[in-house]
């Protein structure tokens, strides 16, 4: 989790905290997008089927329902769906990808973003982090199999042509000038998992729609934010995801430090915060309450008699 310096933010929150005043909604607390939803397991469905039906990520659905059996859930079981998110702390333009969240936010249309579940690189081939732009785009891409992968799987050909056996799906958008891309898939069950060699993978039908309207040159920002901080109404919320690449130690303490920097740390229940981070269920959890704004006061002066 980044620590955002108050001086850089220009919000004067440190002085506000010292004076005992806090804003009713600090601008540095991100808004919450979407609403919590539920669904019912249908006969002969697995959690993979439910995730695909809603175009959600498998791991996020499984983590949110830890007591539900993945492969043989009881029909009629009510599932919580990961359909509510704190927006990442980043400029809201172009494509924003939060790698540990395994989710892409599309801000290219203005207003509320469209969101997409993604697959990311495994711990041996992690996905990129940084600022890029959409590079070259290709329809029906052939897959030139990297030498390292052919060494692991010598049965693979040097080039996999377009078609059902091609793991890149039907569309490819290059991440900057790198060899990595945002692409579709021939394996929808892989979405929401650490399943690639560093690329960003989407459901094929969703990537097809993005491909048509996202031009080359569109900004791409890849983040690594395992803990996001947000507000809705008078609530302070935390959304935590597993630290998949083991890059963020002491996450709960760092999140609390960030909240103190924002001037609201003293309004947070540390036990709830720590539990939310440890559970890393991937949905907003309320951990504190913002005070009601003080009523405005007015004074009038009378002319001296």
Protein backbone atom coordinates (compact mmCIF):
# COMPACT_ATOMS: atom_id res chain seq x y z
CA UNK A 1 0.00 0.00 0.00
CA UNK A 2 1.39 3.33 -0.96
CA UNK A 3 1.74 5.99 1.66
CA UNK A 4 0.51 9.27 0.26
CA UNK A 5 2.42 12.23 1.68
CA UNK A 6 0.15 14.94 2.99
CA UNK A 7 2.32 17.67 1.60
CA UNK A 8 2.03 16.18 -1.86
CA UNK A 9 -1.72 15.85 -1.49
CA UNK A 10 -2.01 19.43 -0.33
CA UNK A 11 -4.89 18.61 1.98
CA UNK A 12 -3.48 19.78 5.28
CA UNK A 13 -4.86 16.74 7.08
CA UNK A 14 -2.05 16.56 9.61
CA UNK A 15 -2.94 19.97 10.94
CA UNK A 16 -6.60 19.00 10.90
CA UNK A 17 -5.86 15.90 12.97
CA UNK A 18 -3.83 17.91 15.48
CA UNK A 19 -6.71 20.34 15.96
CA UNK A 20 -9.19 17.50 16.55
CA UNK A 21 -11.17 18.23 13.37
CA UNK A 22 -11.59 15.69 10.61
CA UNK A 23 -13.34 16.14 7.28
CA UNK A 24 -16.71 14.42 6.91
CA UNK A 25 -15.28 12.55 3.89
CA UNK A 26 -11.54 12.88 3.27
CA UNK A 27 -10.93 13.07 -0.46
CA UNK A 28 -8.08 10.59 -0.10
CA UNK A 29 -10.54 7.86 0.94
CA UNK A 30 -11.64 6.34 -2.34
CA UNK A 31 -15.29 5.84 -3.24
CA UNK A 32 -16.94 2.43 -3.22
CA UNK A 33 -18.28 1.16 -6.53
CA UNK A 34 -21.03 -1.42 -7.04
CA UNK A 35 -23.39 -3.18 -4.65
CA UNK A 36 -23.15 -6.44 -2.74
CA UNK A 37 -25.02 -9.19 -4.59
CA UNK A 38 -25.94 -12.82 -3.95
CA UNK A 39 -26.77 -15.84 -6.09
CA UNK A 40 -27.99 -19.40 -5.62
CA UNK A 41 -26.04 -22.47 -6.71
CA UNK A 42 -27.94 -24.35 -9.42
CA UNK A 43 -27.99 -28.17 -9.72
CA UNK A 44 -24.72 -29.65 -11.02
CA UNK A 45 -22.92 -26.29 -10.83
CA UNK A 46 -19.44 -25.81 -9.40
CA UNK A 47 -18.07 -22.49 -8.19
CA UNK A 48 -16.23 -22.30 -11.51
CA UNK A 49 -19.59 -22.33 -13.28
CA UNK A 50 -20.99 -19.60 -11.04
CA UNK A 51 -17.89 -17.44 -11.56
CA UNK A 52 -18.16 -17.83 -15.33
CA UNK A 53 -21.89 -17.14 -15.37
CA UNK A 54 -21.33 -13.79 -13.63
CA UNK A 55 -17.95 -13.14 -15.33
CA UNK A 56 -16.27 -13.02 -11.93
CA UNK A 57 -12.88 -14.30 -10.82
CA UNK A 58 -12.79 -17.81 -9.40
CA UNK A 59 -10.42 -17.14 -6.49
CA UNK A 60 -12.31 -14.06 -5.34
CA UNK A 61 -15.61 -15.97 -5.35
CA UNK A 62 -14.07 -18.90 -3.47
CA UNK A 63 -12.40 -16.67 -0.82
CA UNK A 64 -15.65 -14.84 -0.18
CA UNK A 65 -17.45 -18.15 0.42
CA UNK A 66 -14.84 -20.20 2.30
CA UNK A 67 -17.33 -22.72 3.73
CA UNK A 68 -18.77 -23.65 0.33
CA UNK A 69 -17.35 -26.69 -1.42
CA UNK A 70 -15.70 -25.69 -4.70
CA UNK A 71 -16.47 -28.73 -6.84
CA UNK A 72 -19.69 -30.06 -5.33
CA UNK A 73 -21.52 -27.15 -3.69
CA UNK A 74 -24.98 -28.07 -2.47
CA UNK A 75 -27.67 -26.87 -4.89
CA UNK A 76 -29.60 -24.01 -3.33
CA UNK A 77 -26.59 -22.68 -1.43
CA UNK A 78 -26.67 -18.89 -1.24
CA UNK A 79 -23.40 -17.33 -2.37
CA UNK A 80 -22.02 -13.87 -1.72
CA UNK A 81 -20.69 -12.37 -4.94
CA UNK A 82 -17.62 -10.09 -5.07
CA UNK A 83 -19.41 -7.27 -6.87
CA UNK A 84 -18.50 -4.31 -4.66
CA UNK A 85 -15.09 -2.63 -4.75
CA UNK A 86 -13.17 0.28 -3.32
CA UNK A 87 -11.64 2.05 -6.28
CA UNK A 88 -7.85 1.78 -6.42
CA UNK A 89 -5.79 4.79 -5.39
CA UNK A 90 -4.76 5.97 -8.85
CA UNK A 91 -5.75 8.53 -11.47
CA UNK A 92 -9.11 7.51 -12.91
CA UNK A 93 -8.25 7.43 -16.57
CA UNK A 94 -7.52 4.75 -19.13
CA UNK A 95 -7.16 1.19 -17.89
CA UNK A 96 -6.23 0.62 -14.24
CA UNK A 97 -5.23 -2.91 -13.25
CA UNK A 98 -4.77 -3.86 -9.61
CA UNK A 99 -2.69 -7.01 -9.88
CA UNK A 100 -3.29 -8.67 -6.46
CA UNK A 101 -7.00 -7.87 -6.74
CA UNK A 102 -7.04 -9.59 -10.13
CA UNK A 103 -9.32 -6.90 -11.50
CA UNK A 104 -9.20 -4.33 -14.29
CA UNK A 105 -10.99 -0.98 -14.10
CA UNK A 106 -11.92 0.70 -17.38
CA UNK A 107 -12.24 4.47 -17.00
CA UNK A 108 -12.25 5.24 -20.72
CA UNK A 109 -15.97 6.02 -20.86
CA UNK A 110 -16.05 8.51 -17.99
CA UNK A 111 -18.21 8.20 -14.88
CA UNK A 112 -18.35 4.87 -13.07
CA UNK A 113 -15.80 2.38 -14.38
CA UNK A 114 -16.53 -0.95 -15.97
CA UNK A 115 -14.73 -3.75 -14.15
CA UNK A 116 -13.34 -7.04 -15.37
CA UNK A 117 -11.99 -10.10 -13.60
CA UNK A 118 -8.53 -11.07 -14.84
CA UNK A 119 -5.92 -13.79 -14.57
CA UNK A 120 -2.38 -12.71 -13.70
CA UNK A 121 1.13 -14.12 -13.73
CA UNK A 122 2.11 -16.80 -11.25
CA UNK A 123 4.78 -16.24 -8.61
CA UNK A 124 7.49 -17.46 -10.99
CA UNK A 125 6.40 -15.05 -13.75
CA UNK A 126 4.68 -12.15 -12.00
CA UNK A 127 2.67 -9.57 -13.90
CA UNK A 128 4.16 -6.14 -14.49
CA UNK A 129 3.66 -3.11 -12.27
CA UNK A 130 4.06 0.39 -13.68
CA UNK A 131 2.71 2.88 -16.20
CA UNK A 132 2.36 1.93 -19.84
CA UNK A 133 0.16 2.53 -22.87
CA UNK A 134 -1.68 0.15 -25.13
CA UNK A 135 0.76 -0.82 -27.84
CA UNK A 136 0.23 -2.93 -30.95
CA UNK A 137 -3.10 -4.76 -31.26
CA UNK A 138 -3.67 -8.05 -33.07
CA UNK A 139 -6.72 -10.10 -34.01
CA UNK A 140 -6.43 -13.88 -33.96
CA UNK A 141 -2.88 -13.78 -32.63
CA UNK A 142 -0.50 -16.67 -33.06
CA UNK A 143 1.37 -17.61 -29.89
CA UNK A 144 5.13 -17.81 -30.23
CA UNK A 145 5.94 -20.11 -27.34
CA UNK A 146 8.79 -18.73 -25.18
CA UNK A 147 11.83 -20.97 -24.88
CA UNK A 148 11.38 -21.29 -21.11
CA UNK A 149 7.87 -22.66 -21.58
CA UNK A 150 8.98 -25.07 -24.31
CA UNK A 151 11.63 -26.32 -21.93
CA UNK A 152 8.91 -27.09 -19.37
CA UNK A 153 6.57 -28.51 -22.03
CA UNK A 154 8.66 -29.81 -24.93
CA UNK A 155 5.55 -31.19 -26.61
CA UNK A 156 4.48 -27.65 -27.52
CA UNK A 157 5.26 -26.39 -31.04
CA UNK A 158 7.38 -23.29 -31.58
CA UNK A 159 4.26 -21.40 -32.69
CA UNK A 160 0.64 -22.13 -31.82
CA UNK A 161 -1.63 -20.84 -34.61
CA UNK A 162 -4.96 -19.11 -33.95
CA UNK A 163 -7.74 -21.45 -32.92
CA UNK A 164 -9.19 -23.39 -30.02
CA UNK A 165 -5.77 -24.51 -28.76
CA UNK A 166 -4.36 -20.99 -28.58
CA UNK A 167 -4.27 -19.68 -24.97
CA UNK A 168 -4.25 -16.04 -26.18
CA UNK A 169 -7.84 -16.18 -27.36
CA UNK A 170 -8.97 -14.09 -30.32
CA UNK A 171 -7.53 -10.67 -29.42
CA UNK A 172 -4.28 -9.22 -28.10
CA UNK A 173 -3.33 -5.74 -26.88
CA UNK A 174 0.37 -5.24 -26.13
CA UNK A 175 1.35 -3.64 -22.82
CA UNK A 176 3.61 -0.80 -23.95
CA UNK A 177 6.64 -2.03 -25.86
CA UNK A 178 6.97 -5.19 -23.79
CA UNK A 179 6.42 -8.80 -24.79
CA UNK A 180 3.43 -8.95 -22.41
CA UNK A 181 -0.16 -8.33 -23.36
CA UNK A 182 -3.78 -8.08 -22.35
CA UNK A 183 -5.50 -10.94 -24.14
CA UNK A 184 -8.41 -13.34 -24.18
CA UNK A 185 -8.35 -17.03 -23.36
CA UNK A 186 -9.42 -20.46 -24.48
CA UNK A 187 -9.78 -21.47 -20.82
CA UNK A 188 -12.45 -19.41 -19.02
CA UNK A 189 -11.86 -21.39 -15.80
CA UNK A 190 -8.47 -19.71 -15.46
CA UNK A 191 -9.87 -16.20 -14.91
CA UNK A 192 -9.36 -14.97 -11.38
CA UNK A 193 -6.26 -17.10 -10.85
CA UNK A 194 -2.48 -16.87 -11.03
CA UNK A 195 -2.51 -18.65 -14.36
CA UNK A 196 -0.33 -16.78 -16.89
CA UNK A 197 3.35 -16.20 -17.58
CA UNK A 198 2.98 -12.52 -16.75
CA UNK A 199 0.24 -11.43 -19.15
CA UNK A 200 -3.18 -10.13 -18.19
CA UNK A 201 -5.94 -12.50 -19.31
CA UNK A 202 -9.68 -11.73 -19.57
CA UNK A 203 -12.77 -13.68 -20.49
CA UNK A 204 -12.64 -13.88 -24.28
CA UNK A 205 -15.99 -12.16 -24.92
CA UNK A 206 -15.14 -9.28 -22.60
CA UNK A 207 -11.70 -8.74 -24.13
CA UNK A 208 -13.32 -8.69 -27.59
CA UNK A 209 -15.48 -5.72 -26.56
CA UNK A 210 -12.53 -3.87 -25.06
CA UNK A 211 -10.42 -4.53 -28.14
CA UNK A 212 -12.95 -2.82 -30.40
CA UNK A 213 -13.10 0.45 -28.48
CA UNK A 214 -9.71 0.79 -26.73
CA UNK A 215 -7.24 2.42 -29.13
CA UNK A 216 -3.48 2.08 -29.08
CA UNK A 217 -2.01 4.78 -26.88
CA UNK A 218 -4.60 4.40 -24.11
CA UNK A 219 -2.90 4.65 -20.68
CA UNK A 220 -2.48 1.42 -18.71
CA UNK A 221 -1.58 1.65 -15.05
CA UNK A 222 -0.69 -1.62 -13.30
CA UNK A 223 -0.79 -1.36 -9.50
CA UNK A 224 0.08 -3.57 -6.58
CA UNK A 225 -2.40 -2.54 -3.85
CA UNK A 226 -3.36 -5.40 -1.57
CA UNK A 227 -5.21 -3.09 0.85
CA UNK A 228 -7.50 -0.29 -0.34
CA UNK A 229 -9.07 2.38 1.86
CA UNK A 230 -12.47 3.88 1.14
CA UNK A 231 -15.56 5.61 2.44
CA UNK A 232 -19.28 5.43 1.81
CA UNK A 233 -21.69 7.57 3.78
CA UNK A 234 -20.26 7.88 7.29
CA UNK A 235 -18.36 4.58 7.06
CA UNK A 236 -14.61 4.00 6.73
CA UNK A 237 -13.93 0.80 4.80
CA UNK A 238 -10.99 -1.48 4.10
CA UNK A 239 -10.79 -3.95 1.22
CA UNK A 240 -7.96 -6.47 1.46
CA UNK A 241 -6.62 -9.07 -0.97
CA UNK A 242 -3.90 -11.69 -0.50
CA UNK A 243 -0.33 -10.51 -0.95
CA UNK A 244 0.23 -12.93 -3.83
CA UNK A 245 3.82 -11.91 -4.57
CA UNK A 246 4.80 -11.34 -0.91
CA UNK A 247 5.65 -7.68 -1.41
CA UNK A 248 3.78 -5.96 1.42
CA UNK A 249 4.72 -6.93 4.99
CA UNK A 250 2.86 -5.52 8.02
CA UNK A 251 -0.14 -4.66 5.87
CA UNK A 252 -2.57 -3.86 8.68
CA UNK A 253 -0.10 -1.56 10.42
CA UNK A 254 0.74 0.19 7.17
CA UNK A 255 -2.94 0.66 6.38
CA UNK A 256 -3.50 2.20 9.81
CA UNK A 257 -0.53 4.50 9.30
CA UNK A 258 -2.06 5.66 6.01
CA UNK A 259 -5.37 6.30 7.73
CA UNK A 260 -3.60 8.42 10.36
CA UNK A 261 -1.93 10.35 7.56
CA UNK A 262 -5.41 11.01 6.21
CA UNK A 263 -6.48 12.30 9.63
CA UNK A 264 -8.95 9.50 10.38
CA UNK A 265 -6.82 6.79 12.03
CA UNK A 266 -8.23 7.53 15.48
CA UNK A 267 -11.72 6.76 14.14
CA UNK A 268 -10.81 3.19 13.16
CA UNK A 269 -11.32 -0.01 15.18
CA UNK A 270 -7.88 -1.63 14.94
CA UNK A 271 -9.23 -5.09 15.71
CA UNK A 272 -11.67 -4.90 12.79
CA UNK A 273 -8.96 -3.54 10.54
CA UNK A 274 -6.55 -6.32 11.41
CA UNK A 275 -9.23 -9.00 10.99
CA UNK A 276 -10.22 -7.61 7.58
CA UNK A 277 -6.61 -7.62 6.37
CA UNK A 278 -5.89 -11.09 7.73
CA UNK A 279 -9.06 -12.54 6.17
CA UNK A 280 -8.44 -10.79 2.82
CA UNK A 281 -11.91 -11.64 1.58
CA UNK A 282 -11.71 -9.06 -1.22
CA UNK A 283 -14.78 -6.96 -0.38
CA UNK A 284 -15.14 -3.68 1.55
CA UNK A 285 -15.35 -4.17 5.32
CA UNK A 286 -16.46 -1.34 7.60
CA UNK A 287 -13.78 -0.55 10.18
CA UNK A 288 -14.71 2.92 11.43
CA UNK A 289 -17.18 5.79 11.43
CA UNK A 290 -16.68 9.33 10.24
CA UNK A 291 -18.16 12.04 12.45
CA UNK A 292 -21.15 14.02 11.31
CA UNK A 293 -20.06 17.38 9.95
CA UNK A 294 -20.42 20.15 12.52
CA UNK A 295 -23.38 22.43 11.83
CA UNK A 296 -22.50 25.78 10.39
CA UNK A 297 -22.64 28.67 12.81
CA UNK A 298 -23.34 32.23 11.93
CA UNK A 299 -22.78 35.42 13.87
CA UNK A 300 -24.41 38.73 13.32
CA UNK A 301 -23.27 42.09 14.51
CA UNK A 302 -25.50 44.98 15.40
CA UNK A 303 -24.53 48.54 14.81
CA UNK A 304 -23.49 50.33 17.96
CA UNK A 305 -26.31 52.38 19.44
